[in-house]
Amino acid sequence: MRIHSCCSRPVAESEGCVHGPHVFYESKPEDLHSRHGFSFTRLSSKLSQNDASAGSPDTALEVASLDCEMIYTTGSMRMARVSIVDGSGTEVFNKII
């Protein structure tokens, strides 16, 4: 009998996991932040004068949001899609893996 590793429920008895630490919904940003703190896209002190003078454009986003859609396969949980939007909600990256 195959068992979901996250919730220990038999695969045949469920359409997917609804328990476990990876299944959650937070309505308040501070609660989401307590699960995983926000990360900087770059540290401004790391952008050296040499990079700017070499004509390399700074392509770092001020704000970015990343979402990974996961699926269950016979081999275990796998990533299916990665999506990134910028601070205005414009799609920057969207790839089916």
C-alpha atoms as a PDB file:
ATOM      1  CA  MET A   1       0.000   0.000   0.000  1.00  0.00           C
ATOM      2  CA  ARG A   2       1.362   3.428  -0.986  1.00  0.00           C
ATOM      3  CA  ILE A   3       1.244   6.110   1.735  1.00  0.00           C
ATOM      4  CA  HIS A   4       1.634   9.880   1.435  1.00  0.00           C
ATOM      5  CA  SER A   5       4.879  10.694   3.276  1.00  0.00           C
ATOM      6  CA  CYS A   6       3.536  14.032   4.549  1.00  0.00           C
ATOM      7  CA  CYS A   7       0.304  12.933   6.231  1.00  0.00           C
ATOM      8  CA  SER A   8       0.600   9.116   6.286  1.00  0.00           C
ATOM      9  CA  ARG A   9      -2.752   8.693   4.528  1.00  0.00           C
ATOM     10  CA  PRO A  10      -3.147   5.870   1.994  1.00  0.00           C
ATOM     11  CA  VAL A  11      -2.808   7.193  -1.563  1.00  0.00           C
ATOM     12  CA  ALA A  12      -5.879   5.206  -2.707  1.00  0.00           C
ATOM     13  CA  GLU A  13      -8.079   6.880  -0.082  1.00  0.00           C
ATOM     14  CA  SER A  14      -7.280  10.500  -0.868  1.00  0.00           C
ATOM     15  CA  GLU A  15      -6.906  12.815  -3.847  1.00  0.00           C
ATOM     16  CA  GLY A  16      -3.979  14.570  -2.255  1.00  0.00           C
ATOM     17  CA  CYS A  17      -2.677  15.855   0.995  1.00  0.00           C
ATOM     18  CA  VAL A  18      -4.647  18.379   3.005  1.00  0.00           C
ATOM     19  CA  HIS A  19      -2.469  18.124   6.124  1.00  0.00           C
ATOM     20  CA  GLY A  20       1.136  18.716   6.924  1.00  0.00           C
ATOM     21  CA  PRO A  21       3.407  21.740   7.196  1.00  0.00           C
ATOM     22  CA  HIS A  22       3.420  22.372   3.433  1.00  0.00           C
ATOM     23  CA  VAL A  23      -0.365  22.865   3.234  1.00  0.00           C
ATOM     24  CA  PHE A  24      -1.299  26.232   4.721  1.00  0.00           C
ATOM     25  CA  TYR A  25      -2.988  29.532   4.012  1.00  0.00           C
ATOM     26  CA  GLU A  26      -2.052  32.761   5.718  1.00  0.00           C
ATOM     27  CA  SER A  27      -4.204  35.860   5.310  1.00  0.00           C
ATOM     28  CA  LYS A  28      -1.904  38.245   7.184  1.00  0.00           C
ATOM     29  CA  PRO A  29       1.567  39.105   5.794  1.00  0.00           C
ATOM     30  CA  GLU A  30       3.123  39.006   9.276  1.00  0.00           C
ATOM     31  CA  ASP A  31       1.939  35.389   9.751  1.00  0.00           C
ATOM     32  CA  LEU A  32       3.395  34.403   6.393  1.00  0.00           C
ATOM     33  CA  HIS A  33       6.617  36.231   7.282  1.00  0.00           C
ATOM     34  CA  SER A  34       6.864  34.228  10.523  1.00  0.00           C
ATOM     35  CA  ARG A  35       6.795  30.985   8.472  1.00  0.00           C
ATOM     36  CA  HIS A  36       9.529  32.198   6.112  1.00  0.00           C
ATOM     37  CA  GLY A  37      11.036  35.634   6.332  1.00  0.00           C
ATOM     38  CA  PHE A  38      11.281  37.790   3.262  1.00  0.00           C
ATOM     39  CA  SER A  39      14.558  37.653   1.352  1.00  0.00           C
ATOM     40  CA  PHE A  40      16.329  40.513  -0.389  1.00  0.00           C
ATOM     41  CA  THR A  41      16.761  40.128  -4.157  1.00  0.00           C
ATOM     42  CA  ARG A  42      20.209  41.658  -3.790  1.00  0.00           C
ATOM     43  CA  LEU A  43      22.202  43.546  -1.220  1.00  0.00           C
ATOM     44  CA  SER A  44      22.789  47.080  -2.436  1.00  0.00           C
ATOM     45  CA  SER A  45      26.249  47.082  -0.854  1.00  0.00           C
ATOM     46  CA  LYS A  46      27.209  44.158  -3.116  1.00  0.00           C
ATOM     47  CA  LEU A  47      26.637  46.229  -6.287  1.00  0.00           C
ATOM     48  CA  SER A  48      30.118  47.585  -6.789  1.00  0.00           C
ATOM     49  CA  GLN A  49      31.210  50.619  -8.782  1.00  0.00           C
ATOM     50  CA  ASN A  50      33.054  48.218 -11.112  1.00  0.00           C
ATOM     51  CA  ASP A  51      29.769  46.557 -12.126  1.00  0.00           C
ATOM     52  CA  ALA A  52      28.106  49.905 -12.796  1.00  0.00           C
ATOM     53  CA  SER A  53      31.060  51.322 -14.750  1.00  0.00           C
ATOM     54  CA  ALA A  54      31.373  48.176 -16.884  1.00  0.00           C
ATOM     55  CA  GLY A  55      27.988  48.979 -18.418  1.00  0.00           C
ATOM     56  CA  SER A  56      26.257  45.951 -16.895  1.00  0.00           C
ATOM     57  CA  PRO A  57      22.610  46.874 -16.369  1.00  0.00           C
ATOM     58  CA  ASP A  58      21.228  46.216 -12.896  1.00  0.00           C
ATOM     59  CA  THR A  59      18.392  43.748 -13.578  1.00  0.00           C
ATOM     60  CA  ALA A  60      17.580  42.959  -9.946  1.00  0.00           C
ATOM     61  CA  LEU A  61      13.924  43.502  -9.046  1.00  0.00           C
ATOM     62  CA  GLU A  62      13.055  45.691  -6.072  1.00  0.00           C
ATOM     63  CA  VAL A  63      10.219  43.297  -5.177  1.00  0.00           C
ATOM     64  CA  ALA A  64       9.560  39.789  -6.484  1.00  0.00           C
ATOM     65  CA  SER A  65       7.123  37.066  -5.554  1.00  0.00           C
ATOM     66  CA  LEU A  66       7.885  33.436  -6.327  1.00  0.00           C
ATOM     67  CA  ASP A  67       5.440  30.534  -6.407  1.00  0.00           C
ATOM     68  CA  CYS A  68       6.264  26.895  -7.075  1.00  0.00           C
ATOM     69  CA  GLU A  69       3.488  24.478  -7.904  1.00  0.00           C
ATOM     70  CA  MET A  70       4.212  20.962  -6.711  1.00  0.00           C
ATOM     71  CA  ILE A  71       2.697  17.670  -7.847  1.00  0.00           C
ATOM     72  CA  TYR A  72       2.826  14.099  -6.606  1.00  0.00           C
ATOM     73  CA  THR A  73       4.366  11.561  -8.965  1.00  0.00           C
ATOM     74  CA  THR A  74       5.197   7.900  -8.624  1.00  0.00           C
ATOM     75  CA  GLY A  75       8.720   9.045  -7.741  1.00  0.00           C
ATOM     76  CA  SER A  76       7.628  11.481  -4.962  1.00  0.00           C
ATOM     77  CA  MET A  77       6.685  15.145  -4.867  1.00  0.00           C
ATOM     78  CA  ARG A  78       8.087  17.123  -7.811  1.00  0.00           C
ATOM     79  CA  MET A  79       8.048  20.726  -8.952  1.00  0.00           C
ATOM     80  CA  ALA A  80       5.679  21.337 -11.881  1.00  0.00           C
ATOM     81  CA  ARG A  81       5.766  25.106 -12.428  1.00  0.00           C
ATOM     82  CA  VAL A  82       7.746  28.128 -11.257  1.00  0.00           C
ATOM     83  CA  SER A  83       6.192  31.600 -11.512  1.00  0.00           C
ATOM     84  CA  ILE A  84       7.678  34.985 -10.588  1.00  0.00           C
ATOM     85  CA  VAL A  85       5.977  38.388 -10.650  1.00  0.00           C
ATOM     86  CA  ASP A  86       7.423  41.811  -9.882  1.00  0.00           C
ATOM     87  CA  GLY A  87       6.084  44.400  -7.444  1.00  0.00           C
ATOM     88  CA  SER A  88       3.401  45.589  -9.876  1.00  0.00           C
ATOM     89  CA  GLY A  89       2.182  42.041 -10.540  1.00  0.00           C
ATOM     90  CA  THR A  90       3.775  41.804 -13.985  1.00  0.00           C
ATOM     91  CA  GLU A  91       4.850  38.287 -14.924  1.00  0.00           C
ATOM     92  CA  VAL A  92       8.632  38.038 -15.053  1.00  0.00           C
ATOM     93  CA  PHE A  93       9.035  34.257 -15.304  1.00  0.00           C
ATOM     94  CA  ASN A  94       6.561  31.406 -15.762  1.00  0.00           C
ATOM     95  CA  LYS A  95       7.912  27.994 -16.648  1.00  0.00           C
ATOM     96  CA  ILE A  96       6.395  24.529 -16.618  1.00  0.00           C
ATOM     97  CA  ILE A  97       9.127  22.167 -15.500  1.00  0.00           C
END
